[in-house]
Amino acid sequence: MTTTLTVLGASVECHSIGRLTSAEPGRLRVTDRTDPAKPGSPGMCTGTSAALTFTLEPDGTLAYRSDEAAAGRPHGTLRKSG
């Protein structure tokens, strides 16, 4: 997986490898770790593994949650566009 963030013309890119750890109706759990073959932006990507949870909500959105403390335990809601 590649994550790219661009703000005011500056870009940060981080690469990771995910492994599906569990799946049940409406929920996926993935263990994510840095891809050693693709170093990201120096000093901008965490180097730890994290548990990610993707949950399909009743309204059709996808909730995302990461337990990665070094990244601030990001979470959010993903919606389709277009």
Protein backbone atom coordinates (compact mmCIF):
# COMPACT_ATOMS: atom_id res chain seq x y z
CA MET A 1 0.00 0.00 0.00
CA THR A 2 1.27 3.48 -0.78
CA THR A 3 0.12 6.54 1.11
CA THR A 4 0.84 9.95 -0.39
CA LEU A 5 0.12 13.32 1.24
CA THR A 6 0.67 16.57 -0.63
CA VAL A 7 0.32 19.93 1.13
CA LEU A 8 1.40 23.28 -0.32
CA GLY A 9 3.43 21.54 -3.02
CA ALA A 10 5.38 19.29 -0.64
CA SER A 11 4.75 15.54 -0.88
CA VAL A 12 5.34 12.73 1.59
CA GLU A 13 5.10 9.11 0.46
CA CYS A 14 5.11 6.02 2.70
CA HIS A 15 4.95 2.37 1.57
CA SER A 16 3.68 -0.60 3.53
CA ILE A 17 2.76 -4.27 3.28
CA GLY A 18 -0.51 -5.49 4.75
CA ARG A 19 -1.49 -8.98 5.87
CA LEU A 20 -5.14 -9.91 6.38
CA THR A 21 -5.41 -11.18 9.96
CA SER A 22 -9.17 -11.66 10.23
CA ALA A 23 -12.35 -11.21 8.24
CA GLU A 24 -15.96 -11.33 9.30
CA PRO A 25 -19.12 -9.88 7.77
CA GLY A 26 -18.63 -6.12 7.63
CA ARG A 27 -15.16 -6.04 9.21
CA LEU A 28 -11.58 -6.67 8.08
CA ARG A 29 -8.48 -6.59 10.24
CA VAL A 30 -5.05 -6.11 8.66
CA THR A 31 -1.56 -6.04 10.16
CA ASP A 32 0.42 -3.37 8.36
CA ARG A 33 4.22 -2.91 8.36
CA THR A 34 6.76 -0.81 6.52
CA ASP A 35 7.84 -2.19 3.13
CA PRO A 36 11.61 -2.74 3.45
CA ALA A 37 11.99 -2.75 -0.37
CA LYS A 38 10.49 0.74 -0.76
CA PRO A 39 11.79 3.30 1.72
CA GLY A 40 9.44 6.23 2.10
CA SER A 41 10.13 9.92 2.69
CA PRO A 42 13.04 10.05 5.19
CA GLY A 43 11.93 10.95 8.71
CA MET A 44 8.26 11.18 7.72
CA CYS A 45 7.07 7.54 7.86
CA THR A 46 6.76 5.39 10.96
CA GLY A 47 8.74 2.17 11.01
CA THR A 48 6.48 0.08 13.22
CA SER A 49 3.71 -2.40 12.49
CA ALA A 50 0.10 -1.57 13.24
CA ALA A 51 -3.28 -3.25 13.45
CA LEU A 52 -5.78 -1.67 11.04
CA THR A 53 -9.53 -2.21 11.22
CA PHE A 54 -11.94 -1.48 8.36
CA THR A 55 -15.65 -1.60 9.28
CA LEU A 56 -18.56 -1.26 6.87
CA GLU A 57 -21.08 1.06 8.51
CA PRO A 58 -24.88 0.82 8.01
CA ASP A 59 -24.86 3.99 5.85
CA GLY A 60 -22.37 2.42 3.41
CA THR A 61 -19.31 4.33 4.63
CA LEU A 62 -16.14 2.56 5.66
CA ALA A 63 -14.69 3.32 9.09
CA TYR A 64 -10.88 3.13 9.33
CA ARG A 65 -8.92 2.82 12.58
CA SER A 66 -5.22 2.24 13.23
CA ASP A 67 -3.66 1.40 16.59
CA GLU A 68 -0.29 2.84 15.53
CA ALA A 69 0.73 5.15 18.37
CA ALA A 70 3.68 6.64 16.42
CA ALA A 71 1.19 7.90 13.80
CA GLY A 72 -1.22 9.27 16.41
CA ARG A 73 -3.71 6.36 16.16
CA PRO A 74 -5.37 7.72 13.01
CA HIS A 75 -8.99 7.02 12.28
CA GLY A 76 -11.62 8.31 9.91
CA THR A 77 -14.56 7.62 7.66
CA LEU A 78 -14.12 6.81 3.97
CA ARG A 79 -16.89 7.68 1.50
CA LYS A 80 -17.33 6.95 -2.18
CA SER A 81 -17.05 9.86 -4.54
CA GLY A 82 -18.07 10.04 -8.14
